[in-house]
């Protein structure tokens, strides 16, 4: 499972991803799940080349990625993600507060 995630989480549901250009359910479910979560994390996180996005902006971007026939993400995985987004946002916020507290403690 870990190998599938590491190797295949950049595949796209429409077959335009990499490294194998797999499409649809040819990509293992675990990699399709991590594909959505990876983009959420990347958009919410501060990077040296970009600012952190809000949860709302991130969800909007994920919805854009899902559009098309088929889009970049598995529609069922995306639907499940969106159905639980309030919980995901709460976990993200708790994690960020914990990280911030740890950084402040070390100063």
Protein backbone atom coordinates (compact mmCIF):
# COMPACT_ATOMS: atom_id res chain seq x y z
CA UNK A 1 0.00 0.00 0.00
CA UNK A 2 2.77 2.45 0.90
CA UNK A 3 4.50 1.73 -2.40
CA UNK A 4 1.28 2.40 -4.32
CA UNK A 5 0.79 5.70 -2.50
CA UNK A 6 4.37 6.87 -2.97
CA UNK A 7 4.54 5.86 -6.62
CA UNK A 8 1.04 6.58 -7.89
CA UNK A 9 -0.52 9.49 -5.96
CA UNK A 10 0.24 11.84 -8.88
CA UNK A 11 -1.85 9.82 -11.29
CA UNK A 12 -5.01 11.58 -12.43
CA UNK A 13 -8.42 10.04 -12.86
CA UNK A 14 -8.46 11.26 -16.46
CA UNK A 15 -5.16 9.49 -17.24
CA UNK A 16 -3.07 12.66 -17.61
CA UNK A 17 -0.99 12.10 -14.47
CA UNK A 18 2.35 10.41 -13.92
CA UNK A 19 4.37 8.22 -13.81
CA UNK A 20 2.26 5.55 -15.56
CA UNK A 21 -0.62 7.66 -16.93
CA UNK A 22 -3.14 5.36 -15.29
CA UNK A 23 -6.78 6.35 -15.49
CA UNK A 24 -9.91 5.69 -13.48
CA UNK A 25 -9.89 2.68 -11.23
CA UNK A 26 -6.61 1.43 -12.73
CA UNK A 27 -4.97 3.57 -10.05
CA UNK A 28 -5.18 1.88 -6.63
CA UNK A 29 -7.77 3.39 -4.27
CA UNK A 30 -5.17 4.38 -1.69
CA UNK A 31 -3.31 6.47 -4.29
CA UNK A 32 -6.58 8.09 -5.45
CA UNK A 33 -7.36 9.05 -1.84
CA UNK A 34 -3.89 10.47 -1.18
CA UNK A 35 -4.04 12.43 -4.45
CA UNK A 36 -6.89 14.53 -3.03
CA UNK A 37 -5.37 14.82 0.44
CA UNK A 38 -1.95 15.76 -0.98
CA UNK A 39 -3.42 18.68 -2.94
CA UNK A 40 -5.41 19.81 0.12
CA UNK A 41 -2.24 19.76 2.23
CA UNK A 42 -0.17 21.53 -0.42
CA UNK A 43 -2.71 24.32 -0.82
CA UNK A 44 -3.25 24.80 2.93
CA UNK A 45 0.47 24.80 3.75
CA UNK A 46 2.83 27.75 3.61
CA UNK A 47 5.56 27.25 1.04
CA UNK A 48 8.56 29.45 0.21
CA UNK A 49 6.92 30.27 -3.13
CA UNK A 50 3.30 30.81 -1.98
CA UNK A 51 1.06 31.83 0.87
CA UNK A 52 -1.22 29.48 2.77
CA UNK A 53 -4.77 29.23 1.40
CA UNK A 54 -7.91 29.14 3.47
CA UNK A 55 -10.00 26.01 3.76
CA UNK A 56 -12.69 27.63 1.58
CA UNK A 57 -10.22 28.59 -1.19
CA UNK A 58 -8.71 25.11 -1.06
CA UNK A 59 -12.10 23.42 -1.42
CA UNK A 60 -12.90 25.71 -4.36
CA UNK A 61 -9.64 24.69 -6.07
CA UNK A 62 -10.31 21.00 -5.43
CA UNK A 63 -13.73 21.40 -7.03
CA UNK A 64 -12.10 22.94 -10.14
CA UNK A 65 -9.74 19.95 -10.35
CA UNK A 66 -12.72 17.61 -10.20
CA UNK A 67 -14.51 19.16 -13.15
CA UNK A 68 -14.34 17.60 -16.57
CA UNK A 69 -15.33 14.19 -17.84
CA UNK A 70 -13.43 12.72 -16.08
CA UNK A 71 -11.50 15.23 -14.02
CA UNK A 72 -8.24 14.95 -12.18
CA UNK A 73 -9.63 13.25 -9.08
CA UNK A 74 -11.80 10.21 -8.56
CA UNK A 75 -15.33 11.66 -8.23
CA UNK A 76 -16.32 9.25 -5.44
CA UNK A 77 -13.17 9.96 -3.43
CA UNK A 78 -13.69 13.69 -3.90
CA UNK A 79 -17.33 13.39 -2.85
CA UNK A 80 -16.32 11.52 0.31
CA UNK A 81 -13.67 14.16 1.02
CA UNK A 82 -16.18 16.97 0.57
CA UNK A 83 -18.75 15.18 2.74
CA UNK A 84 -16.23 15.16 5.60
CA UNK A 85 -14.57 18.52 4.95
CA UNK A 86 -15.71 20.06 8.23
CA UNK A 87 -13.94 17.27 10.12
CA UNK A 88 -10.88 17.56 7.89
CA UNK A 89 -10.71 21.32 8.49
CA UNK A 90 -11.00 20.79 12.26
CA UNK A 91 -8.18 18.23 12.25
CA UNK A 92 -6.04 20.58 10.13
CA UNK A 93 -6.66 23.49 12.49
CA UNK A 94 -5.81 21.40 15.59
CA UNK A 95 -2.65 20.15 13.92
CA UNK A 96 -1.54 23.65 12.99
CA UNK A 97 -2.23 24.96 16.50
CA UNK A 98 -0.21 22.09 17.95
CA UNK A 99 2.67 22.83 15.56
CA UNK A 100 2.58 26.52 16.40
CA UNK A 101 2.59 25.79 20.14
CA UNK A 102 5.61 23.53 19.68
CA UNK A 103 7.49 26.20 17.72
CA UNK A 104 6.72 28.85 20.33
CA UNK A 105 7.83 26.55 23.15
CA UNK A 106 11.22 26.04 21.49
CA UNK A 107 11.91 29.78 21.26
